Amino acid sequence: MTGGLDDAGVAAALRDMLLVTLKLGGPPLLAMLAVGLVVSLVQAVTQVNEASLVFLPKALVLGGMMALLGTYMTATLQDFTRVMMDRLVAVGGS
């Protein structure tokens, strides 16, 4: 690659990107999975098969997750952006 950017630097940036993606997307997705499973079990036990019943619990849990983890997610994304911009400046300056 040009500009002093080597394969190890690109691999490290991709690894960091994937870790940030897991940090930001993992908890909400796991919460949605858990809520979906619980609602599906309740629907199977009660034999009420209404697709719209899943929406409200998922929306409430997602809102709660964003309220609880919003500052953590923002800080993580800001740190990642800062590191990527520093790497960009370092590559452009060499």
N, C-alpha and C. Protein backbone atom coordinates (compact mmCIF):
# COMPACT_ATOMS: atom_id res chain seq x y z
N MET A 1 0.84 -1.17 0.00
CA MET A 1 0.00 0.00 0.00
C MET A 1 0.89 1.24 0.00
N THR A 2 0.33 2.35 -0.39
CA THR A 2 1.11 3.58 -0.49
C THR A 2 0.99 4.40 0.78
N GLY A 3 1.92 5.33 0.93
CA GLY A 3 1.86 6.26 2.04
C GLY A 3 2.33 5.70 3.36
N GLY A 4 3.11 4.64 3.34
CA GLY A 4 3.64 4.08 4.57
C GLY A 4 2.67 3.19 5.32
N LEU A 5 1.56 2.86 4.72
CA LEU A 5 0.57 2.01 5.37
C LEU A 5 0.86 0.56 4.98
N ASP A 6 1.19 -0.26 5.97
CA ASP A 6 1.55 -1.64 5.68
C ASP A 6 0.37 -2.56 6.00
N ASP A 7 0.56 -3.83 5.69
CA ASP A 7 -0.50 -4.82 5.90
C ASP A 7 -0.84 -4.99 7.37
N ALA A 8 0.15 -4.89 8.24
CA ALA A 8 -0.11 -5.04 9.67
C ALA A 8 -0.97 -3.90 10.20
N GLY A 9 -0.75 -2.70 9.69
CA GLY A 9 -1.56 -1.55 10.10
C GLY A 9 -3.00 -1.68 9.64
N VAL A 10 -3.19 -2.16 8.42
CA VAL A 10 -4.54 -2.37 7.90
C VAL A 10 -5.24 -3.47 8.69
N ALA A 11 -4.53 -4.55 8.99
CA ALA A 11 -5.12 -5.65 9.76
C ALA A 11 -5.50 -5.18 11.16
N ALA A 12 -4.65 -4.36 11.77
CA ALA A 12 -4.96 -3.84 13.10
C ALA A 12 -6.18 -2.93 13.06
N ALA A 13 -6.29 -2.11 12.02
CA ALA A 13 -7.45 -1.22 11.89
C ALA A 13 -8.73 -2.02 11.69
N LEU A 14 -8.66 -3.06 10.87
CA LEU A 14 -9.84 -3.91 10.65
C LEU A 14 -10.23 -4.66 11.92
N ARG A 15 -9.23 -5.14 12.67
CA ARG A 15 -9.51 -5.82 13.93
C ARG A 15 -10.18 -4.87 14.92
N ASP A 16 -9.64 -3.66 15.02
CA ASP A 16 -10.23 -2.67 15.91
C ASP A 16 -11.66 -2.33 15.50
N MET A 17 -11.88 -2.22 14.19
CA MET A 17 -13.21 -1.92 13.70
C MET A 17 -14.20 -3.02 14.07
N LEU A 18 -13.79 -4.27 13.91
CA LEU A 18 -14.67 -5.38 14.25
C LEU A 18 -14.95 -5.44 15.75
N LEU A 19 -13.95 -5.15 16.56
CA LEU A 19 -14.16 -5.14 18.01
C LEU A 19 -15.12 -4.03 18.43
N VAL A 20 -14.99 -2.86 17.83
CA VAL A 20 -15.91 -1.76 18.14
C VAL A 20 -17.32 -2.12 17.68
N THR A 21 -17.44 -2.76 16.52
CA THR A 21 -18.75 -3.19 16.04
C THR A 21 -19.39 -4.16 17.02
N LEU A 22 -18.61 -5.10 17.54
CA LEU A 22 -19.14 -6.05 18.52
C LEU A 22 -19.52 -5.36 19.83
N LYS A 23 -18.69 -4.40 20.26
CA LYS A 23 -18.98 -3.67 21.49
C LYS A 23 -20.26 -2.86 21.37
N LEU A 24 -20.46 -2.23 20.22
CA LEU A 24 -21.62 -1.37 20.04
C LEU A 24 -22.88 -2.15 19.69
N GLY A 25 -22.76 -3.15 18.87
CA GLY A 25 -23.93 -3.87 18.40
C GLY A 25 -24.29 -5.10 19.20
N GLY A 26 -23.33 -5.67 19.91
CA GLY A 26 -23.56 -6.91 20.63
C GLY A 26 -24.61 -6.84 21.72
N PRO A 27 -24.48 -5.94 22.68
CA PRO A 27 -25.47 -5.90 23.77
C PRO A 27 -26.91 -5.66 23.31
N PRO A 28 -27.17 -4.69 22.43
CA PRO A 28 -28.56 -4.54 21.98
C PRO A 28 -29.08 -5.75 21.22
N LEU A 29 -28.22 -6.35 20.40
CA LEU A 29 -28.67 -7.54 19.65
C LEU A 29 -28.95 -8.72 20.57
N LEU A 30 -28.11 -8.90 21.58
CA LEU A 30 -28.35 -9.99 22.53
C LEU A 30 -29.62 -9.74 23.34
N ALA A 31 -29.87 -8.49 23.70
CA ALA A 31 -31.11 -8.17 24.42
C ALA A 31 -32.32 -8.43 23.54
N MET A 32 -32.25 -8.06 22.27
CA MET A 32 -33.37 -8.30 21.36
C MET A 32 -33.59 -9.80 21.16
N LEU A 33 -32.51 -10.55 21.10
CA LEU A 33 -32.63 -12.00 20.98
C LEU A 33 -33.32 -12.60 22.19
N ALA A 34 -32.91 -12.16 23.38
CA ALA A 34 -33.52 -12.68 24.60
C ALA A 34 -34.99 -12.32 24.69
N VAL A 35 -35.34 -11.09 24.37
CA VAL A 35 -36.74 -10.67 24.40
C VAL A 35 -37.55 -11.46 23.38
N GLY A 36 -36.99 -11.63 22.19
CA GLY A 36 -37.69 -12.40 21.16
C GLY A 36 -37.94 -13.84 21.59
N LEU A 37 -36.95 -14.45 22.23
CA LEU A 37 -37.13 -15.83 22.70
C LEU A 37 -38.19 -15.92 23.79
N VAL A 38 -38.16 -14.98 24.73
CA VAL A 38 -39.14 -15.00 25.82
C VAL A 38 -40.55 -14.79 25.28
N VAL A 39 -40.72 -13.83 24.40
CA VAL A 39 -42.05 -13.57 23.84
C VAL A 39 -42.51 -14.75 23.00
N SER A 40 -41.60 -15.37 22.27
CA SER A 40 -41.97 -16.55 21.47
C SER A 40 -42.39 -17.71 22.37
N LEU A 41 -41.69 -17.88 23.49
CA LEU A 41 -42.09 -18.93 24.43
C LEU A 41 -43.47 -18.65 25.02
N VAL A 42 -43.71 -17.40 25.39
CA VAL A 42 -45.02 -17.03 25.93
C VAL A 42 -46.10 -17.25 24.88
N GLN A 43 -45.82 -16.88 23.66
CA GLN A 43 -46.80 -17.09 22.59
C GLN A 43 -47.05 -18.57 22.34
N ALA A 44 -46.00 -19.38 22.43
CA ALA A 44 -46.17 -20.83 22.22
C ALA A 44 -46.97 -21.45 23.35
N VAL A 45 -46.73 -21.01 24.58
CA VAL A 45 -47.44 -21.57 25.73
C VAL A 45 -48.91 -21.15 25.72
N THR A 46 -49.16 -19.88 25.40
CA THR A 46 -50.53 -19.38 25.42
C THR A 46 -51.25 -19.58 24.10
N GLN A 47 -50.57 -20.02 23.09
CA GLN A 47 -51.09 -20.24 21.75
C GLN A 47 -51.69 -18.98 21.14
N VAL A 48 -51.10 -17.84 21.49
CA VAL A 48 -51.48 -16.57 20.89
C VAL A 48 -50.39 -16.23 19.87
N ASN A 49 -50.69 -16.40 18.61
CA ASN A 49 -49.68 -16.18 17.57
C ASN A 49 -49.96 -14.88 16.84
N GLU A 50 -49.57 -13.80 17.47
CA GLU A 50 -49.74 -12.48 16.88
C GLU A 50 -48.35 -11.88 16.69
N ALA A 51 -48.00 -11.56 15.46
CA ALA A 51 -46.65 -11.07 15.16
C ALA A 51 -46.39 -9.70 15.76
N SER A 52 -47.42 -8.89 15.93
CA SER A 52 -47.21 -7.53 16.44
C SER A 52 -46.94 -7.49 17.94
N LEU A 53 -47.16 -8.58 18.65
CA LEU A 53 -46.92 -8.61 20.09
C LEU A 53 -45.44 -8.54 20.44
N VAL A 54 -44.58 -8.87 19.52
CA VAL A 54 -43.15 -8.88 19.77
C VAL A 54 -42.58 -7.46 19.70
N PHE A 55 -43.24 -6.59 18.96
CA PHE A 55 -42.67 -5.26 18.69
C PHE A 55 -42.54 -4.41 19.94
N LEU A 56 -43.57 -4.28 20.74
CA LEU A 56 -43.53 -3.39 21.89
C LEU A 56 -42.48 -3.79 22.93
N PRO A 57 -42.39 -5.07 23.34
CA PRO A 57 -41.32 -5.42 24.29
C PRO A 57 -39.92 -5.17 23.73
N LYS A 58 -39.72 -5.45 22.46
CA LYS A 58 -38.41 -5.20 21.86
C LYS A 58 -38.11 -3.71 21.82
N ALA A 59 -39.09 -2.89 21.50
CA ALA A 59 -38.88 -1.45 21.46
C ALA A 59 -38.57 -0.91 22.85
N LEU A 60 -39.25 -1.40 23.86
CA LEU A 60 -38.99 -0.94 25.23
C LEU A 60 -37.61 -1.36 25.70
N VAL A 61 -37.23 -2.58 25.43
CA VAL A 61 -35.90 -3.05 25.85
C VAL A 61 -34.80 -2.32 25.09
N LEU A 62 -35.01 -2.08 23.81
CA LEU A 62 -34.01 -1.34 23.04
C LEU A 62 -33.87 0.09 23.57
N GLY A 63 -34.97 0.72 23.89
CA GLY A 63 -34.90 2.06 24.48
C GLY A 63 -34.16 2.05 25.81
N GLY A 64 -34.43 1.04 26.63
CA GLY A 64 -33.72 0.91 27.90
C GLY A 64 -32.24 0.67 27.72
N MET A 65 -31.90 -0.17 26.75
CA MET A 65 -30.49 -0.44 26.47
C MET A 65 -29.77 0.83 26.01
N MET A 66 -30.44 1.61 25.16
CA MET A 66 -29.82 2.85 24.69
C MET A 66 -29.68 3.86 25.83
N ALA A 67 -30.65 3.87 26.73
CA ALA A 67 -30.55 4.79 27.88
C ALA A 67 -29.41 4.38 28.80
N LEU A 68 -29.26 3.06 29.00
CA LEU A 68 -28.21 2.57 29.90
C LEU A 68 -26.82 2.62 29.27
N LEU A 69 -26.73 2.24 28.01
CA LEU A 69 -25.42 2.09 27.37
C LEU A 69 -25.07 3.21 26.41
N GLY A 70 -25.92 4.22 26.30
CA GLY A 70 -25.68 5.28 25.32
C GLY A 70 -24.37 6.01 25.54
N THR A 71 -24.06 6.35 26.79
CA THR A 71 -22.82 7.07 27.05
C THR A 71 -21.60 6.19 26.78
N TYR A 72 -21.70 4.91 27.14
CA TYR A 72 -20.60 3.97 26.86
C TYR A 72 -20.39 3.82 25.35
N MET A 73 -21.49 3.70 24.62
CA MET A 73 -21.39 3.53 23.17
C MET A 73 -20.80 4.78 22.52
N THR A 74 -21.23 5.94 22.98
CA THR A 74 -20.71 7.19 22.43
C THR A 74 -19.22 7.33 22.73
N ALA A 75 -18.81 7.02 23.95
CA ALA A 75 -17.40 7.11 24.31
C ALA A 75 -16.56 6.13 23.50
N THR A 76 -17.06 4.93 23.32
CA THR A 76 -16.34 3.92 22.53
C THR A 76 -16.16 4.39 21.09
N LEU A 77 -17.22 4.92 20.51
CA LEU A 77 -17.15 5.38 19.13
C LEU A 77 -16.25 6.61 19.00
N GLN A 78 -16.27 7.49 19.99
CA GLN A 78 -15.38 8.65 19.96
C GLN A 78 -13.92 8.23 20.07
N ASP A 79 -13.62 7.29 20.94
CA ASP A 79 -12.25 6.80 21.08
C ASP A 79 -11.76 6.15 19.79
N PHE A 80 -12.62 5.34 19.20
CA PHE A 80 -12.25 4.67 17.95
C PHE A 80 -12.01 5.70 16.85
N THR A 81 -12.87 6.70 16.76
CA THR A 81 -12.71 7.73 15.74
C THR A 81 -11.42 8.51 15.96
N ARG A 82 -11.12 8.82 17.22
CA ARG A 82 -9.89 9.54 17.54
C ARG A 82 -8.66 8.71 17.12
N VAL A 83 -8.67 7.42 17.41
CA VAL A 83 -7.54 6.56 17.05
C VAL A 83 -7.41 6.47 15.53
N MET A 84 -8.53 6.33 14.82
CA MET A 84 -8.47 6.24 13.37
C MET A 84 -7.97 7.56 12.75
N MET A 85 -8.39 8.68 13.30
CA MET A 85 -7.92 9.97 12.79
C MET A 85 -6.43 10.16 13.07
N ASP A 86 -5.98 9.70 14.23
CA ASP A 86 -4.54 9.78 14.53
C ASP A 86 -3.75 8.91 13.56
N ARG A 87 -4.27 7.72 13.25
CA ARG A 87 -3.59 6.85 12.28
C ARG A 87 -3.58 7.50 10.91
N LEU A 88 -4.68 8.14 10.55
CA LEU A 88 -4.77 8.81 9.25
C LEU A 88 -3.76 9.94 9.15
N VAL A 89 -3.62 10.71 10.21
CA VAL A 89 -2.64 11.80 10.22
C VAL A 89 -1.22 11.22 10.15
N ALA A 90 -0.98 10.12 10.88
CA ALA A 90 0.35 9.52 10.87
C ALA A 90 0.71 9.00 9.48
N VAL A 91 -0.25 8.42 8.79
CA VAL A 91 0.01 7.90 7.45
C VAL A 91 0.22 9.06 6.48
N GLY A 92 -0.56 10.11 6.61
CA GLY A 92 -0.44 11.25 5.70
C GLY A 92 0.82 12.06 5.96
N GLY A 93 1.32 12.00 7.19
CA GLY A 93 2.50 12.78 7.52
C GLY A 93 3.81 12.13 7.17
N SER A 94 3.77 10.84 6.83
CA SER A 94 5.04 10.15 6.53
C SER A 94 5.42 10.24 5.08
